[in-house]
Protein backbone atom coordinates (compact mmCIF):
# COMPACT_ATOMS: atom_id res chain seq x y z
CA UNK A 1 -60.84 16.59 -64.92
CA UNK A 2 -59.86 19.94 -66.36
CA UNK A 3 -56.25 20.46 -67.36
CA UNK A 4 -56.96 24.14 -67.83
CA UNK A 5 -57.59 24.54 -64.10
CA UNK A 6 -56.19 24.19 -60.62
CA UNK A 7 -57.78 21.99 -57.96
CA UNK A 8 -58.38 24.03 -54.80
CA UNK A 9 -60.86 23.50 -52.02
CA UNK A 10 -62.47 20.49 -53.67
CA UNK A 11 -63.21 22.25 -56.98
CA UNK A 12 -61.58 22.78 -60.36
CA UNK A 13 -60.96 26.53 -60.48
CA UNK A 14 -59.22 28.88 -62.92
CA UNK A 15 -55.70 30.12 -62.25
CA UNK A 16 -55.15 33.75 -61.34
CA UNK A 17 -53.55 34.46 -64.72
CA UNK A 18 -53.97 33.16 -68.23
CA UNK A 19 -50.35 32.04 -68.50
CA UNK A 20 -49.74 28.41 -69.38
CA UNK A 21 -46.94 25.85 -69.56
CA UNK A 22 -46.53 23.61 -72.61
CA UNK A 23 -46.10 19.92 -71.84
CA UNK A 24 -43.90 18.20 -74.43
CA UNK A 25 -43.66 14.62 -75.66
CA UNK A 26 -39.90 13.97 -75.44
CA UNK A 27 -40.06 11.12 -77.96
CA UNK A 28 -41.57 13.28 -80.72
CA UNK A 29 -40.78 16.86 -79.56
CA UNK A 30 -44.48 17.69 -80.03
CA UNK A 31 -46.63 19.62 -77.58
CA UNK A 32 -49.06 17.34 -75.77
CA UNK A 33 -51.04 19.86 -73.75
CA UNK A 34 -50.90 23.09 -71.81
CA UNK A 35 -51.43 23.46 -68.05
CA UNK A 36 -51.83 26.63 -66.01
CA UNK A 37 -48.72 28.41 -64.82
CA UNK A 38 -49.68 28.88 -61.20
CA UNK A 39 -48.70 31.96 -59.24
CA UNK A 40 -47.96 32.92 -55.65
CA UNK A 41 -51.57 34.10 -55.43
CA UNK A 42 -52.74 30.63 -56.43
CA UNK A 43 -50.52 29.11 -53.75
CA UNK A 44 -52.10 31.47 -51.20
CA UNK A 45 -55.56 30.20 -52.16
CA UNK A 46 -54.51 26.57 -52.01
CA UNK A 47 -52.78 26.94 -48.65
CA UNK A 48 -55.83 28.74 -47.24
CA UNK A 49 -58.04 25.86 -48.39
CA UNK A 50 -55.67 23.31 -46.86
CA UNK A 51 -55.55 25.28 -43.59
CA UNK A 52 -59.34 25.50 -43.44
CA UNK A 53 -59.66 21.75 -43.95
CA UNK A 54 -56.93 20.74 -41.53
CA UNK A 55 -58.72 20.65 -38.18
CA UNK A 56 -61.56 18.41 -39.38
CA UNK A 57 -59.26 16.08 -41.28
CA UNK A 58 -56.80 15.83 -38.38
CA UNK A 59 -59.70 15.03 -36.04
CA UNK A 60 -60.99 12.29 -38.36
CA UNK A 61 -60.06 8.89 -36.88
CA UNK A 62 -57.09 7.39 -38.64
CA UNK A 63 -59.07 4.32 -39.68
CA UNK A 64 -61.60 6.58 -41.43
CA UNK A 65 -58.79 8.39 -43.21
CA UNK A 66 -57.55 4.97 -44.30
CA UNK A 67 -61.00 4.13 -45.68
CA UNK A 68 -60.92 7.31 -47.77
CA UNK A 69 -57.48 6.35 -49.07
CA UNK A 70 -58.94 2.95 -49.93
CA UNK A 71 -61.59 4.62 -52.05
CA UNK A 72 -58.90 6.74 -53.67
CA UNK A 73 -56.99 3.55 -54.46
CA UNK A 74 -60.04 2.07 -56.16
CA UNK A 75 -60.60 5.18 -58.24
CA UNK A 76 -56.94 5.45 -59.20
CA UNK A 77 -56.66 1.72 -59.99
CA UNK A 78 -59.47 2.14 -62.53
CA UNK A 79 -57.20 4.63 -64.29
CA UNK A 80 -54.08 2.40 -64.38
CA UNK A 81 -54.09 2.11 -68.16
CA UNK A 82 -54.50 5.84 -68.59
CA UNK A 83 -51.72 6.47 -66.05
CA UNK A 84 -49.29 4.28 -67.99
CA UNK A 85 -50.24 5.92 -71.28
CA UNK A 86 -49.94 9.43 -69.83
CA UNK A 87 -46.51 8.80 -68.33
CA UNK A 88 -45.44 7.17 -71.59
CA UNK A 89 -46.38 10.35 -73.41
CA UNK A 90 -45.13 13.06 -71.07
CA UNK A 91 -41.98 11.28 -69.80
CA UNK A 92 -41.27 8.86 -72.63
CA UNK A 93 -41.14 5.80 -70.37
CA UNK A 94 -41.28 2.54 -72.34
CA UNK A 95 -44.69 0.89 -72.06
CA UNK A 96 -43.47 -2.05 -69.94
CA UNK A 97 -41.88 0.29 -67.40
CA UNK A 98 -44.84 2.65 -67.50
CA UNK A 99 -47.25 -0.16 -66.66
CA UNK A 100 -45.19 -2.02 -64.04
CA UNK A 101 -43.39 0.85 -62.32
CA UNK A 102 -44.89 4.22 -63.20
CA UNK A 103 -48.48 2.98 -62.70
CA UNK A 104 -48.02 -0.14 -60.58
CA UNK A 105 -45.71 1.12 -57.85
CA UNK A 106 -47.77 4.15 -56.75
CA UNK A 107 -50.88 1.97 -56.55
CA UNK A 108 -48.97 -0.44 -54.30
CA UNK A 109 -47.79 2.41 -52.09
CA UNK A 110 -51.27 3.93 -51.87
CA UNK A 111 -52.80 0.58 -50.95
CA UNK A 112 -50.12 0.18 -48.29
CA UNK A 113 -50.95 3.50 -46.63
CA UNK A 114 -54.68 2.75 -46.73
CA UNK A 115 -53.99 -0.53 -44.93
CA UNK A 116 -51.52 1.03 -42.50
CA UNK A 117 -54.02 3.72 -41.51
CA UNK A 118 -56.66 1.07 -40.87
CA UNK A 119 -54.50 -0.67 -38.25
CA UNK A 120 -55.19 0.20 -34.60
CA UNK A 121 -52.54 2.40 -33.02
CA UNK A 122 -51.26 1.30 -29.63
CA UNK A 123 -50.66 4.16 -27.21
CA UNK A 124 -47.03 4.50 -26.18
CA UNK A 125 -45.98 5.33 -22.63
CA UNK A 126 -42.71 6.39 -21.05
CA UNK A 127 -42.85 6.31 -17.26
CA UNK A 128 -45.83 8.46 -16.24
CA UNK A 129 -46.05 10.08 -19.71
CA UNK A 130 -48.41 9.28 -22.57
CA UNK A 131 -46.66 9.70 -25.93
CA UNK A 132 -48.96 10.69 -28.77
CA UNK A 133 -48.39 11.46 -32.43
CA UNK A 134 -50.25 14.26 -34.16
CA UNK A 135 -50.26 15.51 -37.78
CA UNK A 136 -47.70 18.19 -38.50
CA UNK A 137 -50.23 20.43 -40.31
CA UNK A 138 -50.35 21.79 -43.86
CA UNK A 139 -47.79 20.09 -46.11
CA UNK A 140 -46.31 21.52 -49.28
CA UNK A 141 -45.35 18.64 -51.59
CA UNK A 142 -42.96 19.49 -54.42
CA UNK A 143 -42.31 16.54 -56.71
CA UNK A 144 -40.00 15.67 -59.64
CA UNK A 145 -40.57 14.54 -63.20
CA UNK A 146 -38.83 11.17 -63.30
CA UNK A 147 -41.46 9.14 -61.40
CA UNK A 148 -44.27 11.66 -61.64
CA UNK A 149 -47.02 9.68 -59.90
CA UNK A 150 -45.00 7.51 -57.53
CA UNK A 151 -43.19 10.47 -56.01
CA UNK A 152 -46.52 12.28 -55.57
CA UNK A 153 -48.25 9.30 -53.96
CA UNK A 154 -45.30 8.57 -51.65
CA UNK A 155 -45.78 12.02 -50.14
CA UNK A 156 -49.51 12.59 -50.46
CA UNK A 157 -50.68 9.17 -49.22
CA UNK A 158 -48.42 9.30 -46.17
CA UNK A 159 -49.36 12.90 -45.34
CA UNK A 160 -53.10 12.24 -45.69
CA UNK A 161 -52.89 9.06 -43.61
CA UNK A 162 -51.08 11.03 -40.90
CA UNK A 163 -53.89 13.62 -40.84
CA UNK A 164 -52.18 16.41 -42.76
CA UNK A 165 -53.62 18.42 -45.61
CA UNK A 166 -51.59 18.98 -48.76
CA UNK A 167 -50.76 21.51 -51.46
CA UNK A 168 -49.14 19.68 -54.36
CA UNK A 169 -46.86 21.14 -57.01
CA UNK A 170 -45.93 18.51 -59.61
CA UNK A 171 -43.05 19.00 -62.00
CA UNK A 172 -43.86 21.34 -64.86
CA UNK A 173 -42.27 18.78 -67.22
CA UNK A 174 -44.66 15.94 -66.29
CA UNK A 175 -47.77 17.44 -64.65
CA UNK A 176 -50.48 15.56 -66.55
CA UNK A 177 -50.53 12.39 -64.46
CA UNK A 178 -51.14 14.49 -61.33
CA UNK A 179 -54.45 15.55 -62.88
CA UNK A 180 -55.46 11.88 -62.99
CA UNK A 181 -54.75 11.61 -59.26
CA UNK A 182 -56.85 14.68 -58.44
CA UNK A 183 -59.63 13.45 -60.69
CA UNK A 184 -59.59 10.16 -58.75
CA UNK A 185 -59.53 12.04 -55.44
CA UNK A 186 -62.57 14.02 -56.52
CA UNK A 187 -64.40 10.82 -57.46
CA UNK A 188 -63.39 9.15 -54.19
CA UNK A 189 -64.95 11.93 -52.14
CA UNK A 190 -61.82 13.29 -50.51
CA UNK A 191 -63.01 16.19 -48.32
CA UNK A 192 -62.69 19.65 -49.82
CA UNK A 193 -59.31 21.29 -49.20
CA UNK A 194 -57.55 18.15 -48.01
CA UNK A 195 -55.62 17.81 -51.30
CA UNK A 196 -54.98 20.76 -53.60
CA UNK A 197 -53.13 21.03 -56.92
CA UNK A 198 -51.19 24.05 -58.16
CA UNK A 199 -49.04 23.33 -61.23
CA UNK A 200 -46.33 25.78 -62.14
CA UNK A 201 -42.60 26.40 -62.19
CA UNK A 202 -40.21 25.86 -59.32
CA UNK A 203 -39.03 29.48 -59.10
CA UNK A 204 -42.66 30.68 -58.80
CA UNK A 205 -44.94 28.03 -57.28
CA UNK A 206 -42.24 25.94 -55.63
CA UNK A 207 -40.63 28.98 -54.06
CA UNK A 208 -44.00 30.30 -52.85
CA UNK A 209 -44.81 26.98 -51.16
CA UNK A 210 -41.39 26.71 -49.52
CA UNK A 211 -41.59 30.22 -48.10
CA UNK A 212 -45.29 30.30 -47.22
CA UNK A 213 -45.89 31.15 -43.54
CA UNK A 214 -48.91 28.82 -43.33
CA UNK A 215 -47.11 25.74 -44.70
CA UNK A 216 -45.96 23.72 -41.70
CA UNK A 217 -43.79 21.26 -43.62
CA UNK A 218 -42.22 21.06 -47.06
CA UNK A 219 -41.52 17.65 -48.60
CA UNK A 220 -39.31 17.99 -51.65
CA UNK A 221 -37.83 15.50 -54.09
CA UNK A 222 -35.46 16.74 -56.77
CA UNK A 223 -31.96 18.04 -57.35
CA UNK A 224 -29.59 18.79 -54.50
CA UNK A 225 -29.20 22.41 -55.70
CA UNK A 226 -32.95 23.04 -55.60
CA UNK A 227 -33.26 21.14 -52.32
CA UNK A 228 -30.73 23.53 -50.82
CA UNK A 229 -32.86 26.52 -51.86
CA UNK A 230 -36.04 24.90 -50.50
CA UNK A 231 -34.29 24.16 -47.23
CA UNK A 232 -33.09 27.76 -46.88
CA UNK A 233 -36.57 29.16 -47.55
CA UNK A 234 -38.16 26.86 -44.99
CA UNK A 235 -35.39 27.48 -42.45
CA UNK A 236 -36.07 31.21 -42.47
CA UNK A 237 -39.43 30.49 -40.81
CA UNK A 238 -38.34 27.37 -38.86
CA UNK A 239 -40.55 25.05 -40.92
CA UNK A 240 -40.06 21.32 -41.06
CA UNK A 241 -38.41 19.93 -44.20
CA UNK A 242 -37.91 16.49 -45.74
CA UNK A 243 -35.54 16.29 -48.70
CA UNK A 244 -34.97 13.39 -51.10
CA UNK A 245 -32.22 14.55 -53.40
CA UNK A 246 -29.57 13.20 -55.74
CA UNK A 247 -27.59 9.99 -55.76
CA UNK A 248 -24.50 8.35 -57.20
CA UNK A 249 -24.98 4.81 -56.03
CA UNK A 250 -22.37 2.06 -56.09
CA UNK A 251 -23.00 -1.52 -57.16
CA UNK A 252 -20.25 -3.55 -55.51
CA UNK A 253 -19.43 -6.92 -57.09
CA UNK A 254 -17.23 -8.86 -54.67
CA UNK A 255 -14.72 -11.59 -55.44
CA UNK A 256 -17.17 -14.39 -54.56
CA UNK A 257 -20.16 -12.92 -56.41
CA UNK A 258 -22.19 -14.42 -59.25
CA UNK A 259 -20.66 -11.99 -61.73
CA UNK A 260 -22.94 -12.73 -64.66
CA UNK A 261 -26.09 -12.09 -62.66
CA UNK A 262 -24.60 -9.11 -60.83
CA UNK A 263 -23.64 -7.35 -64.06
CA UNK A 264 -26.92 -8.10 -65.84
CA UNK A 265 -29.03 -6.83 -62.95
CA UNK A 266 -26.67 -3.91 -62.38
CA UNK A 267 -26.94 -2.71 -65.97
CA UNK A 268 -30.73 -2.99 -65.77
CA UNK A 269 -30.76 -0.93 -62.58
CA UNK A 270 -28.51 1.74 -64.07
CA UNK A 271 -30.59 2.12 -67.24
CA UNK A 272 -34.08 1.86 -65.71
CA UNK A 273 -36.20 4.84 -66.78
CA UNK A 274 -33.40 5.85 -69.19
CA UNK A 275 -31.09 6.30 -66.23
CA UNK A 276 -33.37 9.00 -64.82
CA UNK A 277 -33.54 7.40 -61.39
CA UNK A 278 -32.00 8.91 -58.26
CA UNK A 279 -31.21 5.44 -56.88
CA UNK A 280 -29.56 4.17 -60.08
CA UNK A 281 -26.41 2.11 -59.55
CA UNK A 282 -24.35 4.25 -61.91
CA UNK A 283 -20.99 3.17 -60.46
CA UNK A 284 -20.25 -0.53 -60.98
CA UNK A 285 -17.37 -1.54 -58.70
CA UNK A 286 -15.83 -4.88 -59.66
CA UNK A 287 -13.12 -6.98 -58.03
CA UNK A 288 -10.06 -7.07 -60.31
CA UNK A 289 -10.32 -10.84 -60.72
CA UNK A 290 -13.63 -10.35 -62.54
CA UNK A 291 -13.04 -6.93 -64.05
CA UNK A 292 -12.40 -7.80 -67.71
CA UNK A 293 -15.30 -10.26 -67.79
CA UNK A 294 -17.61 -7.72 -66.17
CA UNK A 295 -16.73 -5.02 -68.69
CA UNK A 296 -17.46 -7.43 -71.55
CA UNK A 297 -20.75 -8.55 -69.98
CA UNK A 298 -21.83 -4.95 -69.33
CA UNK A 299 -21.10 -3.95 -72.92
CA UNK A 300 -23.11 -6.88 -74.25
CA UNK A 301 -26.05 -6.11 -71.94
CA UNK A 302 -26.02 -2.40 -72.79
CA UNK A 303 -26.00 -3.06 -76.52
CA UNK A 304 -29.30 -4.93 -76.15
CA UNK A 305 -31.04 -1.73 -75.00
CA UNK A 306 -32.93 -0.60 -78.07
CA UNK A 307 -34.02 3.04 -78.16
CA UNK A 308 -37.19 4.17 -79.89
CA UNK A 309 -40.91 4.75 -79.59
CA UNK A 310 -41.98 4.19 -75.95
CA UNK A 311 -45.17 2.51 -77.16
CA UNK A 312 -43.26 -0.07 -79.20
CA UNK A 313 -43.01 -3.24 -77.07
CA UNK A 314 -39.44 -3.82 -78.27
CA UNK A 315 -38.20 -0.47 -76.92
CA UNK A 316 -36.13 -0.77 -73.75
CA UNK A 317 -34.69 2.75 -73.56
CA UNK A 318 -36.95 5.76 -73.98
CA UNK A 319 -35.91 9.38 -74.46
CA UNK A 320 -34.65 11.71 -71.78
CA UNK A 321 -37.30 14.09 -70.53
CA UNK A 322 -36.17 17.24 -72.34
CA UNK A 323 -33.69 18.70 -74.77
CA UNK A 324 -31.86 20.32 -71.85
CA UNK A 325 -31.52 16.98 -70.06
CA UNK A 326 -30.30 15.27 -73.25
CA UNK A 327 -27.71 17.97 -73.84
CA UNK A 328 -26.56 17.80 -70.22
CA UNK A 329 -26.01 14.05 -70.43
CA UNK A 330 -24.24 14.34 -73.75
CA UNK A 331 -21.94 16.89 -72.15
CA UNK A 332 -20.84 14.39 -69.50
CA UNK A 333 -20.21 11.78 -72.20
CA UNK A 334 -18.20 14.17 -74.38
CA UNK A 335 -16.04 15.31 -71.44
CA UNK A 336 -15.42 11.83 -70.05
CA UNK A 337 -11.76 10.86 -69.58
CA UNK A 338 -12.28 7.09 -69.56
CA UNK A 339 -12.45 4.14 -71.95
CA UNK A 340 -15.71 4.14 -73.91
CA UNK A 341 -16.86 0.53 -74.10
CA UNK A 342 -20.15 1.13 -75.87
CA UNK A 343 -22.36 4.12 -76.59
CA UNK A 344 -22.48 4.75 -80.31
CA UNK A 345 -25.69 2.89 -81.16
CA UNK A 346 -28.02 4.79 -83.53
CA UNK A 347 -30.93 6.71 -82.04
CA UNK A 348 -34.04 8.20 -83.67
CA UNK A 349 -33.57 11.49 -85.50
CA UNK A 350 -36.39 13.09 -83.56
CA UNK A 351 -36.73 12.98 -79.78
CA UNK A 352 -34.32 13.45 -76.90
CA UNK A 353 -32.54 10.10 -77.05
CA UNK A 354 -29.13 9.06 -75.71
CA UNK A 355 -27.92 5.50 -76.37
CA UNK A 356 -26.95 3.14 -73.56
CA UNK A 357 -23.39 4.13 -72.70
CA UNK A 358 -20.73 2.27 -70.71
CA UNK A 359 -17.31 3.55 -69.64
CA UNK A 360 -14.53 1.41 -68.14
CA UNK A 361 -11.35 2.31 -66.26
CA UNK A 362 -13.14 5.25 -64.63
CA UNK A 363 -11.19 7.30 -62.08
CA UNK A 364 -13.20 7.26 -58.81
CA UNK A 365 -12.46 10.98 -58.35
CA UNK A 366 -13.47 12.02 -61.87
CA UNK A 367 -16.56 13.95 -62.88
CA UNK A 368 -17.97 10.79 -64.41
CA UNK A 369 -17.82 8.99 -61.04
CA UNK A 370 -18.77 11.92 -58.84
CA UNK A 371 -21.58 13.80 -60.57
CA UNK A 372 -25.17 12.62 -60.90
CA UNK A 373 -25.57 12.35 -64.68
CA UNK A 374 -29.22 11.24 -64.71
CA UNK A 375 -29.02 9.44 -68.00
CA UNK A 376 -28.15 5.98 -69.39
CA UNK A 377 -24.44 6.19 -68.51
CA UNK A 378 -22.64 3.50 -66.49
CA UNK A 379 -19.12 3.79 -65.03
CA UNK A 380 -17.10 0.65 -64.24
CA UNK A 381 -14.35 0.85 -61.62
CA UNK A 382 -11.99 -1.91 -60.41
CA UNK A 383 -11.11 -2.55 -56.76
CA UNK A 384 -8.55 -4.75 -55.00
CA UNK A 385 -10.29 -5.94 -51.83
CA UNK A 386 -13.38 -5.31 -49.68
CA UNK A 387 -11.82 -2.36 -47.84
CA UNK A 388 -10.91 -0.75 -51.16
CA UNK A 389 -14.45 -1.28 -52.44
CA UNK A 390 -15.95 0.40 -49.37
CA UNK A 391 -13.63 3.38 -49.73
CA UNK A 392 -14.62 3.88 -53.37
CA UNK A 393 -18.33 3.37 -52.62
CA UNK A 394 -18.21 5.97 -49.85
CA UNK A 395 -16.16 8.38 -51.94
CA UNK A 396 -19.22 10.45 -52.85
CA UNK A 397 -21.08 13.42 -51.47
CA UNK A 398 -24.25 11.38 -52.01
CA UNK A 399 -25.59 8.40 -50.11
CA UNK A 400 -28.99 7.21 -51.33
CA UNK A 401 -28.81 3.58 -52.47
CA UNK A 402 -26.46 0.82 -53.54
CA UNK A 403 -25.99 -2.88 -54.13
CA UNK A 404 -23.59 -5.57 -52.99
CA UNK A 405 -23.07 -9.01 -54.56
CA UNK A 406 -21.25 -11.87 -52.86
CA UNK A 407 -21.68 -14.55 -50.23
CA UNK A 408 -24.45 -13.48 -47.81
CA UNK A 409 -22.26 -12.80 -44.75
CA UNK A 410 -19.56 -11.01 -46.71
CA UNK A 411 -22.06 -8.91 -48.70
CA UNK A 412 -23.87 -7.93 -45.51
CA UNK A 413 -20.60 -6.91 -43.85
CA UNK A 414 -19.79 -4.61 -46.77
CA UNK A 415 -23.35 -3.22 -46.88
CA UNK A 416 -23.15 -2.26 -43.20
CA UNK A 417 -20.09 -0.12 -43.94
CA UNK A 418 -21.62 1.75 -46.87
CA UNK A 419 -22.79 5.28 -45.99
CA UNK A 420 -26.06 5.15 -47.84
CA UNK A 421 -29.77 5.00 -47.03
CA UNK A 422 -30.50 1.65 -48.70
CA UNK A 423 -28.49 -1.32 -49.94
CA UNK A 424 -29.77 -4.33 -51.91
CA UNK A 425 -27.94 -7.62 -51.36
CA UNK A 426 -27.61 -10.00 -54.32
CA UNK A 427 -30.44 -8.38 -56.25
CA UNK A 428 -33.03 -8.30 -53.47
CA UNK A 429 -36.15 -6.53 -54.77
CA UNK A 430 -37.29 -3.04 -53.86
CA UNK A 431 -39.45 -3.02 -50.74
CA UNK A 432 -42.25 -0.40 -50.86
CA UNK A 433 -42.81 -0.52 -47.09
CA UNK A 434 -39.14 -0.11 -46.08
CA UNK A 435 -37.85 3.39 -45.25
CA UNK A 436 -36.43 5.26 -48.23
CA UNK A 437 -34.10 8.25 -47.98
CA UNK A 438 -30.52 9.38 -48.03
CA UNK A 439 -27.35 10.22 -46.19
CA UNK A 440 -25.16 13.25 -46.81
CA UNK A 441 -26.25 15.42 -49.78
CA UNK A 442 -28.88 12.88 -50.77
CA UNK A 443 -31.10 14.56 -48.19
CA UNK A 444 -32.80 13.74 -44.92
CA UNK A 445 -36.11 12.32 -43.82
CA UNK A 446 -37.67 9.05 -44.91
CA UNK A 447 -40.53 8.02 -47.20
CA UNK A 448 -42.58 4.80 -47.47
CA UNK A 449 -44.06 2.53 -44.85
CA UNK A 450 -44.47 3.49 -41.23
CA UNK A 451 -41.32 5.65 -41.37
CA UNK A 452 -42.89 7.69 -44.15
CA UNK A 453 -46.03 8.13 -42.07
CA UNK A 454 -44.22 9.36 -38.96
CA UNK A 455 -42.32 11.86 -41.09
CA UNK A 456 -45.59 13.85 -41.25
CA UNK A 457 -46.29 13.64 -37.51
CA UNK A 458 -45.27 15.56 -34.42
CA UNK A 459 -44.57 13.79 -31.12
CA UNK A 460 -46.20 15.04 -27.92
CA UNK A 461 -45.62 13.95 -24.32
CA UNK A 462 -48.55 14.20 -21.91
CA UNK A 463 -47.57 13.80 -18.26
CA UNK A 464 -50.24 12.29 -16.03
């Protein structure tokens, strides 16, 4: 592994310029490392390598591609400890979260795609037509900083299983863990050019990938504003796009819910990864009969979130990823026109920390309830009945995730009416093989499981 290089065509190679990007530890504000600042010329080289490798990889039987992914899983699993440590350093994720989620989840997803690719594919027919699925081609994968390996693997594993080749641009804020993936890919014997790495900034490398005439599909996860720009660039050349964007998810606690459990789990969901999660249930909607109790429970739960060194086992809330992100979140808190329940706990003098913050009596139309804050900030909103709860939940330009708590039939009825890509009932766990994606300005396209695989395939009808 060489963090001073790009990975193109199966080799670690120098970037076209000597410019670099500093990678910072957000808990200490110290520079961890430097990585190359890729250029449009570097993207050209990576896309050419992916294009040259495509025909052979696409023609490789799917089961053989799955076997290669299995070897990649073995090589990456051997690096699980290093993955957790790296994400703890470059993102500031607390060690427990780094081990279980930041390292554990992508390994689960990768293993799932290796197994899925190994399964025999039954040919589909429609009348006298044979329906076949073929890889879409060269994929440009542009990934965010908040789950820096999971978001990469969710795209890369699915694309490779489908028979596509990939040019990857990880976030410039958290690029180091991507080097561990490419190091594992090199060890696993992934064919040259099938997976390529070009770190760099969004306006340079991301823009070059999105607009590149030889990139058949762009898969992007990040902010809605950047997703809009990526979509425009791809649309100019009629390229395929999948977008996983922002969220402002509602956690609906019905009249017949287990309020204590619903609030405890809801606070944990909202503050996971320091609130830097697109699916976070940042709006807690509570039936008026339970409202005062829920506010008290949420305050008590939030006050137990200790900030500090991510490598201290007692730390539950790490820093935000950057000074800019910290200042942005603080701005939302300072402007909030709602009742501050808790949020004044001390934080370390150094590092980009924001304490766990809870607001009550939040106006559903306010900035606090409408904008994706992406920090440890929870808004609590009362409702009168199920219809009122659904109206508030759907009162958002986003639609990515959500939760409902109550009796099974009643909770399911409310979930069916929520305009969002996923809903968890009564704390049901995340399912890494279920389709993941959004409605409205949360994007389009799906990741994970078989739906994530078909996202990287074209459908052909052969009449016979």
